[in-house]
Amino acid sequence: MTDLGPVAWPPEPIRTERLVLRAPESRDRPAFVELLASPQVHTYLGGARPRDQIERETPGTPEQWPGSFVAELDGSMIGHVLLRRPARHRPAAMGKIDLGYLFLPRAWGHGYAAEACFAALDWLDNALPGEAVVLATQTANTASMRLAGKLGFVEVERFHAWDADQWLGLRPPRRP
């Protein structure tokens, strides 16, 4: 993961109809461990790592870097939205900002991921106008594929990596 660029971080919390997006805090650590250890969350991400390993490796305040948003519902973390500019990526995605998201299984099916991603992308459009955004997901992850379409991503390429077929989408630059 590398720097987003010249953004003020952390931003003021972003409030949507049901959620708050904010920078990670120490109180989020148990939810991060749960998220990273969940076999369901990691079905299309190569599988979960052992919980004891995650407990040992997770810092007191996880994922503290610009573009790392906790999605909070009623005062509790339910997910993580990430905006980052990876140092390595597919050629079609190099230099572009990558959108990622992970939500706890209990938050699935309620539209929270879409709500949180739309809010994070709106923040990005204002913080760094004119940036294109990419999103990669396994083609087998139909929920993620639907979300990518809803967010305005269009297919750029399909490729095979990590023993699975992958999809790369692009969201063209937007101006505030």
C-alpha atoms as a PDB file:
ATOM      1  CA  MET A   1       0.000   0.000   0.000  1.00  0.00           C
ATOM      2  CA  THR A   2       1.308   3.442  -0.792  1.00  0.00           C
ATOM      3  CA  ASP A   3       0.363   7.024  -0.280  1.00  0.00           C
ATOM      4  CA  LEU A   4      -2.839   8.466  -1.696  1.00  0.00           C
ATOM      5  CA  GLY A   5      -1.169  11.819  -2.190  1.00  0.00           C
ATOM      6  CA  PRO A   6      -1.836  15.238  -0.695  1.00  0.00           C
ATOM      7  CA  VAL A   7      -4.911  14.594   1.445  1.00  0.00           C
ATOM      8  CA  ALA A   8      -5.719  15.917   4.886  1.00  0.00           C
ATOM      9  CA  TRP A   9      -6.012  12.912   7.194  1.00  0.00           C
ATOM     10  CA  PRO A  10      -7.976  11.975   9.129  1.00  0.00           C
ATOM     11  CA  PRO A  11     -11.002  13.775   7.740  1.00  0.00           C
ATOM     12  CA  GLU A  12     -13.981  14.718   9.819  1.00  0.00           C
ATOM     13  CA  PRO A  13     -16.226  11.662  10.206  1.00  0.00           C
ATOM     14  CA  ILE A  14     -18.430  11.156   7.172  1.00  0.00           C
ATOM     15  CA  ARG A  15     -22.072  10.586   8.020  1.00  0.00           C
ATOM     16  CA  THR A  16     -24.418   8.765   5.689  1.00  0.00           C
ATOM     17  CA  GLU A  17     -28.051   7.873   6.254  1.00  0.00           C
ATOM     18  CA  ARG A  18     -27.104   4.947   8.525  1.00  0.00           C
ATOM     19  CA  LEU A  19     -23.319   4.869   8.857  1.00  0.00           C
ATOM     20  CA  VAL A  20     -20.333   6.847  10.026  1.00  0.00           C
ATOM     21  CA  LEU A  21     -17.039   6.536   8.143  1.00  0.00           C
ATOM     22  CA  ARG A  22     -14.044   7.512  10.221  1.00  0.00           C
ATOM     23  CA  ALA A  23     -10.394   6.754  10.815  1.00  0.00           C
ATOM     24  CA  PRO A  24      -9.671   3.547  12.762  1.00  0.00           C
ATOM     25  CA  GLU A  25      -9.393   3.763  16.552  1.00  0.00           C
ATOM     26  CA  SER A  26      -8.053   1.388  19.193  1.00  0.00           C
ATOM     27  CA  ARG A  27     -11.617   0.340  20.107  1.00  0.00           C
ATOM     28  CA  ASP A  28     -11.912  -1.184  16.596  1.00  0.00           C
ATOM     29  CA  ARG A  29      -9.170  -3.754  17.150  1.00  0.00           C
ATOM     30  CA  PRO A  30     -11.506  -6.659  18.138  1.00  0.00           C
ATOM     31  CA  ALA A  31     -13.669  -6.054  15.051  1.00  0.00           C
ATOM     32  CA  PHE A  32     -10.568  -5.934  12.821  1.00  0.00           C
ATOM     33  CA  VAL A  33      -9.410  -9.254  14.267  1.00  0.00           C
ATOM     34  CA  GLU A  34     -12.869 -10.744  13.684  1.00  0.00           C
ATOM     35  CA  LEU A  35     -12.915  -9.377  10.130  1.00  0.00           C
ATOM     36  CA  LEU A  36      -9.444 -10.684   9.277  1.00  0.00           C
ATOM     37  CA  ALA A  37     -10.065 -14.096  10.866  1.00  0.00           C
ATOM     38  CA  SER A  38     -13.456 -14.691   9.244  1.00  0.00           C
ATOM     39  CA  PRO A  39     -13.506 -17.592   6.762  1.00  0.00           C
ATOM     40  CA  GLN A  40     -16.690 -16.141   5.189  1.00  0.00           C
ATOM     41  CA  VAL A  41     -15.087 -12.708   4.627  1.00  0.00           C
ATOM     42  CA  HIS A  42     -12.024 -14.321   3.059  1.00  0.00           C
ATOM     43  CA  THR A  43     -13.831 -16.819   0.815  1.00  0.00           C
ATOM     44  CA  TYR A  44     -12.664 -14.905  -2.281  1.00  0.00           C
ATOM     45  CA  LEU A  45      -9.464 -13.531  -0.764  1.00  0.00           C
ATOM     46  CA  GLY A  46      -7.394 -16.668  -0.407  1.00  0.00           C
ATOM     47  CA  GLY A  47      -8.822 -17.815   2.928  1.00  0.00           C
ATOM     48  CA  ALA A  48      -8.588 -16.472   6.442  1.00  0.00           C
ATOM     49  CA  ARG A  49      -5.401 -16.584   8.474  1.00  0.00           C
ATOM     50  CA  PRO A  50      -5.363 -18.206  11.929  1.00  0.00           C
ATOM     51  CA  ARG A  51      -6.982 -16.011  14.569  1.00  0.00           C
ATOM     52  CA  ASP A  52      -4.065 -16.365  17.016  1.00  0.00           C
ATOM     53  CA  GLN A  53      -1.657 -15.121  14.334  1.00  0.00           C
ATOM     54  CA  ILE A  54      -3.911 -12.133  13.613  1.00  0.00           C
ATOM     55  CA  GLU A  55      -4.172 -11.376  17.354  1.00  0.00           C
ATOM     56  CA  ARG A  56      -0.356 -11.316  17.600  1.00  0.00           C
ATOM     57  CA  GLU A  57       0.191  -9.214  14.469  1.00  0.00           C
ATOM     58  CA  THR A  58      -2.612  -6.660  14.765  1.00  0.00           C
ATOM     59  CA  PRO A  59      -1.449  -3.386  16.341  1.00  0.00           C
ATOM     60  CA  GLY A  60      -3.401  -1.582  19.042  1.00  0.00           C
ATOM     61  CA  THR A  61      -4.923   0.713  16.446  1.00  0.00           C
ATOM     62  CA  PRO A  62      -5.086  -1.206  13.146  1.00  0.00           C
ATOM     63  CA  GLU A  63      -4.915   0.179   9.622  1.00  0.00           C
ATOM     64  CA  GLN A  64      -3.930   3.757  10.474  1.00  0.00           C
ATOM     65  CA  TRP A  65      -3.150   5.353   7.133  1.00  0.00           C
ATOM     66  CA  PRO A  66      -4.809   7.843   4.786  1.00  0.00           C
ATOM     67  CA  GLY A  67      -7.679   6.214   2.925  1.00  0.00           C
ATOM     68  CA  SER A  68      -8.474   3.647   5.632  1.00  0.00           C
ATOM     69  CA  PHE A  69     -12.071   4.125   6.774  1.00  0.00           C
ATOM     70  CA  VAL A  70     -13.942   2.217   9.457  1.00  0.00           C
ATOM     71  CA  ALA A  71     -17.620   1.800   8.612  1.00  0.00           C
ATOM     72  CA  GLU A  72     -19.519   2.181  11.867  1.00  0.00           C
ATOM     73  CA  LEU A  73     -23.157   1.352  12.564  1.00  0.00           C
ATOM     74  CA  ASP A  74     -24.732   2.365  15.876  1.00  0.00           C
ATOM     75  CA  GLY A  75     -21.306   2.929  17.444  1.00  0.00           C
ATOM     76  CA  SER A  76     -19.719  -0.363  16.338  1.00  0.00           C
ATOM     77  CA  MET A  77     -17.398  -1.206  13.466  1.00  0.00           C
ATOM     78  CA  ILE A  78     -19.075  -3.368  10.813  1.00  0.00           C
ATOM     79  CA  GLY A  79     -16.599  -2.953   7.986  1.00  0.00           C
ATOM     80  CA  HIS A  80     -13.487  -1.432   6.489  1.00  0.00           C
ATOM     81  CA  VAL A  81     -13.264   0.611   3.280  1.00  0.00           C
ATOM     82  CA  LEU A  82      -9.812   1.137   1.803  1.00  0.00           C
ATOM     83  CA  LEU A  83      -8.596   3.634  -0.753  1.00  0.00           C
ATOM     84  CA  ARG A  84      -4.937   3.156  -1.628  1.00  0.00           C
ATOM     85  CA  ARG A  85      -2.493   3.499  -4.481  1.00  0.00           C
ATOM     86  CA  PRO A  86      -0.703   0.122  -4.621  1.00  0.00           C
ATOM     87  CA  ALA A  87       2.943   0.017  -5.654  1.00  0.00           C
ATOM     88  CA  ARG A  88       2.197  -3.134  -7.712  1.00  0.00           C
ATOM     89  CA  HIS A  89      -0.942  -3.774  -9.722  1.00  0.00           C
ATOM     90  CA  ARG A  90      -2.134  -4.833 -13.157  1.00  0.00           C
ATOM     91  CA  PRO A  91      -0.738  -2.596 -15.931  1.00  0.00           C
ATOM     92  CA  ALA A  92      -4.210  -1.119 -16.588  1.00  0.00           C
ATOM     93  CA  ALA A  93      -4.432  -0.103 -12.915  1.00  0.00           C
ATOM     94  CA  MET A  94      -0.929   1.248 -12.273  1.00  0.00           C
ATOM     95  CA  GLY A  95      -0.921   4.660 -10.649  1.00  0.00           C
ATOM     96  CA  LYS A  96      -4.653   4.587 -10.014  1.00  0.00           C
ATOM     97  CA  ILE A  97      -6.346   4.482  -6.626  1.00  0.00           C
ATOM     98  CA  ASP A  98      -7.681   1.060  -5.660  1.00  0.00           C
ATOM     99  CA  LEU A  99     -10.960   0.632  -3.749  1.00  0.00           C
ATOM    100  CA  GLY A 100     -11.255  -2.299  -1.372  1.00  0.00           C
ATOM    101  CA  TYR A 101     -13.826  -3.207   1.254  1.00  0.00           C
ATOM    102  CA  LEU A 102     -14.420  -5.881   3.874  1.00  0.00           C
ATOM    103  CA  PHE A 103     -17.597  -6.193   5.924  1.00  0.00           C
ATOM    104  CA  LEU A 104     -18.483  -8.530   8.759  1.00  0.00           C
ATOM    105  CA  PRO A 105     -20.944 -11.250   7.676  1.00  0.00           C
ATOM    106  CA  ARG A 106     -23.620  -9.931  10.029  1.00  0.00           C
ATOM    107  CA  ALA A 107     -23.593  -6.681   7.971  1.00  0.00           C
ATOM    108  CA  TRP A 108     -24.077  -8.403   4.601  1.00  0.00           C
ATOM    109  CA  GLY A 109     -27.261  -7.976   2.618  1.00  0.00           C
ATOM    110  CA  HIS A 110     -28.282  -4.592   4.055  1.00  0.00           C
ATOM    111  CA  GLY A 111     -26.641  -2.258   1.533  1.00  0.00           C
ATOM    112  CA  TYR A 112     -24.012  -1.046   4.005  1.00  0.00           C
ATOM    113  CA  ALA A 113     -21.074  -1.760   1.697  1.00  0.00           C
ATOM    114  CA  ALA A 114     -22.633   0.282  -1.119  1.00  0.00           C
ATOM    115  CA  GLU A 115     -23.496   3.120   1.257  1.00  0.00           C
ATOM    116  CA  ALA A 116     -19.983   3.182   2.726  1.00  0.00           C
ATOM    117  CA  CYS A 117     -18.213   2.890  -0.645  1.00  0.00           C
ATOM    118  CA  PHE A 118     -20.307   5.664  -2.201  1.00  0.00           C
ATOM    119  CA  ALA A 119     -19.425   7.911   0.761  1.00  0.00           C
ATOM    120  CA  ALA A 120     -15.699   7.072   0.562  1.00  0.00           C
ATOM    121  CA  LEU A 121     -15.675   7.697  -3.193  1.00  0.00           C
ATOM    122  CA  ASP A 122     -17.467  11.043  -2.694  1.00  0.00           C
ATOM    123  CA  TRP A 123     -14.788  11.985  -0.145  1.00  0.00           C
ATOM    124  CA  LEU A 124     -12.078  10.995  -2.636  1.00  0.00           C
ATOM    125  CA  ASP A 125     -13.705  13.007  -5.439  1.00  0.00           C
ATOM    126  CA  ASN A 126     -13.486  16.105  -3.238  1.00  0.00           C
ATOM    127  CA  ALA A 127     -10.077  15.378  -1.695  1.00  0.00           C
ATOM    128  CA  LEU A 128      -8.359  14.400  -4.968  1.00  0.00           C
ATOM    129  CA  PRO A 129     -10.506  15.575  -7.898  1.00  0.00           C
ATOM    130  CA  GLY A 130      -9.862  13.919 -11.213  1.00  0.00           C
ATOM    131  CA  GLU A 131      -8.546  10.588  -9.866  1.00  0.00           C
ATOM    132  CA  ALA A 132      -9.557   7.374 -11.588  1.00  0.00           C
ATOM    133  CA  VAL A 133     -10.350   4.466  -9.257  1.00  0.00           C
ATOM    134  CA  VAL A 134      -9.975   0.740  -9.886  1.00  0.00           C
ATOM    135  CA  LEU A 135     -11.503  -2.256  -8.162  1.00  0.00           C
ATOM    136  CA  ALA A 136     -10.452  -5.892  -8.498  1.00  0.00           C
ATOM    137  CA  THR A 137     -12.507  -8.877  -7.425  1.00  0.00           C
ATOM    138  CA  GLN A 138     -12.906 -12.551  -8.205  1.00  0.00           C
ATOM    139  CA  THR A 139     -15.477 -13.169 -10.913  1.00  0.00           C
ATOM    140  CA  ALA A 140     -17.006 -15.825  -8.634  1.00  0.00           C
ATOM    141  CA  ASN A 141     -17.791 -13.143  -6.047  1.00  0.00           C
ATOM    142  CA  THR A 142     -21.151 -12.184  -7.521  1.00  0.00           C
ATOM    143  CA  ALA A 143     -22.043  -9.799  -4.680  1.00  0.00           C
ATOM    144  CA  SER A 144     -18.827  -7.839  -5.206  1.00  0.00           C
ATOM    145  CA  MET A 145     -19.371  -7.819  -8.970  1.00  0.00           C
ATOM    146  CA  ARG A 146     -22.881  -6.370  -8.446  1.00  0.00           C
ATOM    147  CA  LEU A 147     -21.521  -3.742  -6.063  1.00  0.00           C
ATOM    148  CA  ALA A 148     -18.815  -2.737  -8.560  1.00  0.00           C
ATOM    149  CA  GLY A 149     -21.495  -2.110 -11.195  1.00  0.00           C
ATOM    150  CA  LYS A 150     -23.651  -0.164  -8.769  1.00  0.00           C
ATOM    151  CA  LEU A 151     -20.643   2.037  -7.892  1.00  0.00           C
ATOM    152  CA  GLY A 152     -20.046   2.840 -11.572  1.00  0.00           C
ATOM    153  CA  PHE A 153     -17.072   0.578 -12.321  1.00  0.00           C
ATOM    154  CA  VAL A 154     -16.797  -0.794 -15.840  1.00  0.00           C
ATOM    155  CA  GLU A 155     -14.754  -3.802 -16.856  1.00  0.00           C
ATOM    156  CA  VAL A 156     -11.212  -3.127 -18.033  1.00  0.00           C
ATOM    157  CA  GLU A 157      -9.885  -6.669 -18.057  1.00  0.00           C
ATOM    158  CA  ARG A 158     -10.244 -10.190 -16.769  1.00  0.00           C
ATOM    159  CA  PHE A 159      -7.239 -12.191 -15.700  1.00  0.00           C
ATOM    160  CA  HIS A 160      -6.258 -15.292 -13.777  1.00  0.00           C
ATOM    161  CA  ALA A 161      -4.398 -14.846 -10.475  1.00  0.00           C
ATOM    162  CA  TRP A 162      -4.313 -16.517  -7.067  1.00  0.00           C
ATOM    163  CA  ASP A 163      -5.812 -19.664  -8.638  1.00  0.00           C
ATOM    164  CA  ALA A 164      -9.019 -17.870  -9.635  1.00  0.00           C
ATOM    165  CA  ASP A 165     -10.510 -15.741 -12.391  1.00  0.00           C
ATOM    166  CA  GLN A 166     -10.344 -12.040 -11.519  1.00  0.00           C
ATOM    167  CA  TRP A 167     -12.150  -8.930 -12.755  1.00  0.00           C
ATOM    168  CA  LEU A 168     -10.680  -5.427 -12.908  1.00  0.00           C
ATOM    169  CA  GLY A 169     -13.027  -2.471 -13.164  1.00  0.00           C
ATOM    170  CA  LEU A 170     -12.393   1.235 -13.627  1.00  0.00           C
ATOM    171  CA  ARG A 171     -14.384   4.194 -12.349  1.00  0.00           C
ATOM    172  CA  PRO A 172     -13.462   7.152 -14.532  1.00  0.00           C
ATOM    173  CA  PRO A 173     -12.226  10.381 -12.910  1.00  0.00           C
ATOM    174  CA  ARG A 174     -14.923  12.597 -11.436  1.00  0.00           C
ATOM    175  CA  ARG A 175     -14.816  16.270 -10.622  1.00  0.00           C
ATOM    176  CA  PRO A 176     -16.574  17.661  -7.533  1.00  0.00           C
END
